[in-house]
N, C-alpha and C. Protein backbone atom coordinates (compact mmCIF):
# COMPACT_ATOMS: atom_id res chain seq x y z
N MET A 1 234.01 20.60 33.51
CA MET A 1 234.71 20.06 32.53
C MET A 1 235.33 21.04 31.61
N LEU A 2 236.53 21.22 31.12
CA LEU A 2 237.50 21.73 30.20
C LEU A 2 237.07 21.92 29.03
N LYS A 3 236.99 22.95 28.19
CA LYS A 3 236.95 22.86 26.75
C LYS A 3 238.12 22.30 26.16
N PRO A 4 238.04 21.72 25.17
CA PRO A 4 239.34 21.05 24.27
C PRO A 4 240.19 22.15 23.81
N ASN A 5 239.70 23.45 23.63
CA ASN A 5 240.69 24.32 22.73
C ASN A 5 241.25 25.26 23.91
N THR A 6 241.00 25.34 25.21
CA THR A 6 240.97 26.28 26.17
C THR A 6 242.78 26.03 26.64
N LYS A 7 243.43 26.95 26.94
CA LYS A 7 244.88 26.57 27.41
C LYS A 7 244.86 26.51 28.93
N ARG A 8 245.43 26.02 29.73
CA ARG A 8 245.72 25.54 31.06
C ARG A 8 246.61 26.64 31.28
N ARG A 9 246.28 27.45 32.86
CA ARG A 9 247.34 28.27 33.09
C ARG A 9 248.82 27.40 33.41
N GLN A 10 250.10 28.23 33.05
CA GLN A 10 251.14 27.51 33.49
C GLN A 10 251.62 28.34 34.88
N LYS A 11 252.26 27.56 35.78
CA LYS A 11 252.63 28.21 36.84
C LYS A 11 253.71 29.24 36.71
N PRO A 12 253.84 30.29 37.35
CA PRO A 12 254.86 31.59 37.34
C PRO A 12 256.02 30.88 37.49
N GLN A 13 257.25 31.05 36.86
CA GLN A 13 258.42 30.82 37.19
C GLN A 13 259.09 31.88 38.13
N ALA A 14 259.83 31.31 39.01
CA ALA A 14 260.55 32.37 39.71
C ALA A 14 261.55 33.20 39.09
N VAL A 15 261.57 34.67 39.29
CA VAL A 15 262.48 35.23 38.67
C VAL A 15 263.54 35.58 39.78
N VAL A 16 264.73 35.38 39.02
CA VAL A 16 265.96 35.68 39.92
C VAL A 16 266.60 36.74 39.62
N ALA A 17 266.65 37.95 40.18
CA ALA A 17 267.19 39.12 40.05
C ALA A 17 268.51 39.40 40.82
N ALA A 18 269.49 40.03 40.26
CA ALA A 18 270.49 40.46 40.52
C ALA A 18 270.60 40.96 41.41
N VAL A 19 271.52 41.07 43.03
CA VAL A 19 271.06 42.04 43.88
C VAL A 19 272.29 42.90 44.02
N ALA A 20 272.33 44.13 43.82
CA ALA A 20 273.41 45.02 43.74
C ALA A 20 273.83 45.72 45.30
N LEU A 21 274.86 45.26 45.87
CA LEU A 21 275.24 45.87 46.99
C LEU A 21 275.16 47.31 46.95
N PRO A 22 274.89 48.11 48.06
CA PRO A 22 274.62 49.36 47.83
C PRO A 22 276.20 50.24 48.41
N VAL A 23 276.56 50.95 47.52
CA VAL A 23 277.70 51.73 47.34
C VAL A 23 277.79 52.41 48.65
N VAL A 24 278.71 52.65 49.66
CA VAL A 24 278.95 53.12 50.85
C VAL A 24 280.47 53.64 50.57
N ALA A 25 280.31 54.81 50.65
CA ALA A 25 281.56 55.40 50.76
C ALA A 25 282.28 55.48 52.14
N ALA A 26 283.44 55.10 52.39
CA ALA A 26 284.24 55.08 53.70
C ALA A 26 284.84 56.67 53.88
N VAL A 27 284.19 56.80 55.13
CA VAL A 27 284.81 58.12 55.58
C VAL A 27 285.98 57.62 56.76
N VAL A 28 287.18 58.25 56.22
CA VAL A 28 288.31 57.96 56.73
C VAL A 28 288.43 59.22 57.75
N GLN A 29 288.70 59.00 59.15
CA GLN A 29 288.52 59.96 60.33
C GLN A 29 290.12 59.90 60.24
N PRO A 30 290.75 60.90 61.01
CA PRO A 30 291.73 61.41 61.11
C PRO A 30 292.48 60.86 62.38
N VAL A 31 293.89 60.54 62.32
CA VAL A 31 294.43 59.45 62.91
C VAL A 31 294.21 60.05 64.35
N ALA A 32 294.47 61.15 64.72
CA ALA A 32 294.43 61.60 66.19
C ALA A 32 293.29 61.52 66.70
N LYS A 33 291.92 61.57 65.68
CA LYS A 33 290.72 61.20 66.20
C LYS A 33 290.74 59.88 66.67
N ARG A 34 291.05 58.73 65.79
CA ARG A 34 291.11 57.47 66.09
C ARG A 34 291.97 57.01 67.22
N LEU A 35 292.74 57.54 67.34
CA LEU A 35 293.96 57.38 68.36
C LEU A 35 293.08 57.86 70.04
N ALA A 36 292.53 58.96 69.89
CA ALA A 36 291.72 59.51 71.14
C ALA A 36 290.74 58.45 71.52
N ARG A 37 289.89 58.02 70.59
CA ARG A 37 288.93 57.05 70.85
C ARG A 37 289.48 55.83 71.66
N ILE A 38 290.74 55.05 70.73
CA ILE A 38 290.99 53.72 71.37
C ILE A 38 291.58 54.22 72.68
N GLU A 39 292.67 55.27 72.92
CA GLU A 39 292.73 55.95 74.43
C GLU A 39 291.69 56.09 75.36
N ALA A 40 290.53 56.50 74.84
CA ALA A 40 289.59 56.63 75.89
C ALA A 40 288.89 55.16 76.23
N LEU A 41 288.68 54.18 75.16
CA LEU A 41 288.48 52.99 75.51
C LEU A 41 289.29 52.32 76.43
N LEU A 42 290.43 52.64 76.26
CA LEU A 42 291.76 51.74 77.21
C LEU A 42 291.42 52.35 78.71
N LEU A 43 291.26 53.47 78.66
CA LEU A 43 291.12 54.22 79.86
C LEU A 43 289.73 53.55 80.81
N GLU A 44 288.62 53.55 79.98
CA GLU A 44 287.65 52.80 80.34
C GLU A 44 287.65 51.34 80.83
N MET A 45 288.44 50.83 79.88
CA MET A 45 288.84 49.33 80.58
C MET A 45 289.60 49.10 81.67
N ARG A 46 290.58 50.06 81.85
CA ARG A 46 291.41 49.98 82.99
C ARG A 46 290.74 50.48 84.18
N PHE A 47 289.68 51.32 84.19
CA PHE A 47 288.70 51.58 85.49
C PHE A 47 287.78 50.53 85.79
N GLU A 48 287.49 49.88 85.06
CA GLU A 48 286.72 48.52 85.06
C GLU A 48 287.50 47.57 85.89
N GLN A 49 288.79 47.46 85.07
CA GLN A 49 289.77 46.50 85.87
C GLN A 49 290.20 46.60 87.19
N ASP A 50 290.28 48.08 87.66
CA ASP A 50 290.70 48.41 88.90
C ASP A 50 289.56 48.44 89.83
N VAL A 51 288.24 48.52 89.29
CA VAL A 51 286.95 48.23 89.96
C VAL A 51 286.72 46.77 90.51
N LEU A 52 287.13 46.21 89.56
CA LEU A 52 287.07 44.33 89.80
C LEU A 52 288.06 43.91 90.95
N GLY A 53 289.22 44.69 90.60
CA GLY A 53 290.44 44.17 91.42
C GLY A 53 289.93 44.40 92.78
N LYS A 54 289.60 45.60 93.32
CA LYS A 54 289.25 46.38 94.59
C LYS A 54 288.09 45.45 95.13
N ARG A 55 287.29 44.93 94.34
CA ARG A 55 286.20 44.21 94.68
C ARG A 55 286.92 42.83 95.34
N LEU A 56 287.34 42.11 94.29
CA LEU A 56 288.08 41.03 94.46
C LEU A 56 288.91 40.77 95.83
N ASN A 57 289.93 41.97 95.76
CA ASN A 57 290.66 42.19 97.16
C ASN A 57 289.48 42.34 98.58
N ALA A 58 288.51 42.78 98.36
CA ALA A 58 287.57 43.32 99.66
C ALA A 58 287.01 41.51 99.99
N ILE A 59 286.45 40.94 98.66
CA ILE A 59 286.31 39.48 99.15
C ILE A 59 287.14 38.65 99.50
N LYS A 60 288.48 38.57 98.98
CA LYS A 60 289.78 38.05 99.69
C LYS A 60 289.74 38.37 101.37
N GLY A 61 289.97 39.58 101.56
CA GLY A 61 289.90 39.94 103.16
C GLY A 61 288.84 39.07 103.73
N GLN A 62 287.70 39.32 103.24
CA GLN A 62 286.62 38.61 104.05
C GLN A 62 286.64 37.22 104.19
N LEU A 63 287.08 36.61 103.06
CA LEU A 63 287.54 35.09 103.22
C LEU A 63 288.69 34.89 104.14
N GLU A 64 289.61 35.56 103.90
CA GLU A 64 290.61 35.36 105.35
C GLU A 64 290.36 35.44 106.78
N VAL A 65 289.44 36.54 106.67
CA VAL A 65 288.72 36.80 108.25
C VAL A 65 288.14 35.19 108.47
N LEU A 66 287.07 34.92 107.68
CA LEU A 66 286.48 33.79 108.14
C LEU A 66 287.07 32.83 108.29
N SER A 67 288.11 32.25 107.43
CA SER A 67 289.08 31.43 107.78
C SER A 67 289.82 31.46 109.06
N GLU A 68 290.28 32.64 109.33
CA GLU A 68 290.91 32.59 110.62
C GLU A 68 289.83 32.43 112.10
N ARG A 69 288.65 32.76 111.44
CA ARG A 69 287.35 32.57 112.85
C ARG A 69 287.59 30.82 112.79
N ARG A 70 287.58 30.49 111.80
CA ARG A 70 287.00 29.14 111.16
C ARG A 70 288.38 28.12 112.17
N VAL A 71 289.56 28.56 111.93
CA VAL A 71 290.91 28.24 112.57
C VAL A 71 290.61 28.16 114.19
N SER A 72 290.32 29.48 114.65
CA SER A 72 290.43 29.72 115.87
C SER A 72 289.34 28.81 116.80
N LYS A 73 288.40 28.49 115.78
CA LYS A 73 286.87 27.82 116.64
C LYS A 73 287.61 26.37 116.68
N ASP A 74 288.53 25.62 115.63
CA ASP A 74 288.81 24.49 115.47
C ASP A 74 289.86 24.23 116.40
N HIS A 75 290.56 24.92 117.04
CA HIS A 75 291.62 25.01 118.20
C HIS A 75 290.88 24.98 119.55
N ARG A 76 289.89 25.58 119.57
CA ARG A 76 289.19 25.25 120.88
C ARG A 76 289.03 23.84 121.28
N PRO A 77 289.05 23.22 122.58
CA PRO A 77 288.53 22.00 122.91
C PRO A 77 286.87 22.09 122.69
N ARG A 78 286.38 20.86 122.32
CA ARG A 78 284.89 20.51 122.18
C ARG A 78 284.85 20.53 123.79
N HIS A 79 283.28 20.64 123.83
CA HIS A 79 282.74 20.12 124.96
C HIS A 79 282.93 18.56 125.27
N GLY A 80 283.54 18.51 126.55
CA GLY A 80 283.88 17.03 127.27
C GLY A 80 285.31 16.57 126.76
N GLU A 81 286.12 17.66 126.23
CA GLU A 81 287.48 16.93 125.58
C GLU A 81 288.44 17.78 126.30
N ARG A 82 289.61 17.29 126.42
CA ARG A 82 290.64 18.28 127.04
C ARG A 82 291.82 18.22 126.03
N ARG A 83 292.41 19.36 126.26
CA ARG A 83 293.69 19.76 125.33
C ARG A 83 294.70 18.64 125.81
N ARG A 84 295.80 18.65 124.97
CA ARG A 84 296.76 17.64 125.51
C ARG A 84 297.77 18.76 125.84
N ALA A 85 298.72 18.36 126.85
CA ALA A 85 299.48 19.13 127.45
C ALA A 85 300.74 19.34 126.69
N ARG A 86 301.17 20.18 126.72
CA ARG A 86 302.36 20.92 126.31
C ARG A 86 303.48 20.72 126.92
N PRO A 87 304.50 20.07 126.55
CA PRO A 87 306.20 20.05 127.22
C PRO A 87 306.38 21.26 128.32
N ALA A 88 306.72 21.40 129.12
CA ALA A 88 307.05 22.58 130.12
C ALA A 88 308.38 23.24 129.50
N ASN A 89 309.28 22.47 128.76
CA ASN A 89 310.63 23.27 128.34
C ASN A 89 310.35 23.15 126.94
N THR A 90 309.65 24.33 126.15
CA THR A 90 309.75 24.10 124.60
C THR A 90 311.11 24.53 123.98
N ALA A 91 311.80 25.32 124.91
CA ALA A 91 313.11 25.88 124.26
C ALA A 91 314.20 24.43 123.83
N ALA A 92 314.09 23.63 124.64
CA ALA A 92 314.62 22.24 124.81
C ALA A 92 314.61 21.56 123.30
N LEU A 93 313.22 21.87 122.70
CA LEU A 93 312.66 21.00 121.20
C LEU A 93 313.54 21.83 120.38
N PRO A 94 314.19 20.81 119.37
CA PRO A 94 314.51 21.21 118.03
C PRO A 94 313.79 21.86 117.27
N GLN A 95 314.05 22.99 116.67
CA GLN A 95 313.50 24.09 115.66
C GLN A 95 313.96 23.48 114.36
N LEU A 96 312.59 23.08 113.48
CA LEU A 96 312.73 22.43 112.14
C LEU A 96 312.32 23.48 111.43
N HIS A 97 312.78 23.97 110.41
CA HIS A 97 312.76 25.18 109.59
C HIS A 97 312.73 24.60 108.08
């Protein structure tokens, strides 16, 4: 039991301190140096673009070869089927362009 004359402890209140941002001195680089860095970055990006372009063209070539093989297989008669007879005189047919 508490004595009547004793003071109860009060909860400490939060202290809000002002936070000061650190002072950073801006170092301005010469224009030539900044342009050189930008140019180097652009050259690197161009190289990556060329690599991706070559890879894409190689994949397109493979796709064309595969689709040509597929088309050539589709034109062959299946087992037990006959091809339609073509007319003997194809020069007499009108050419549509």
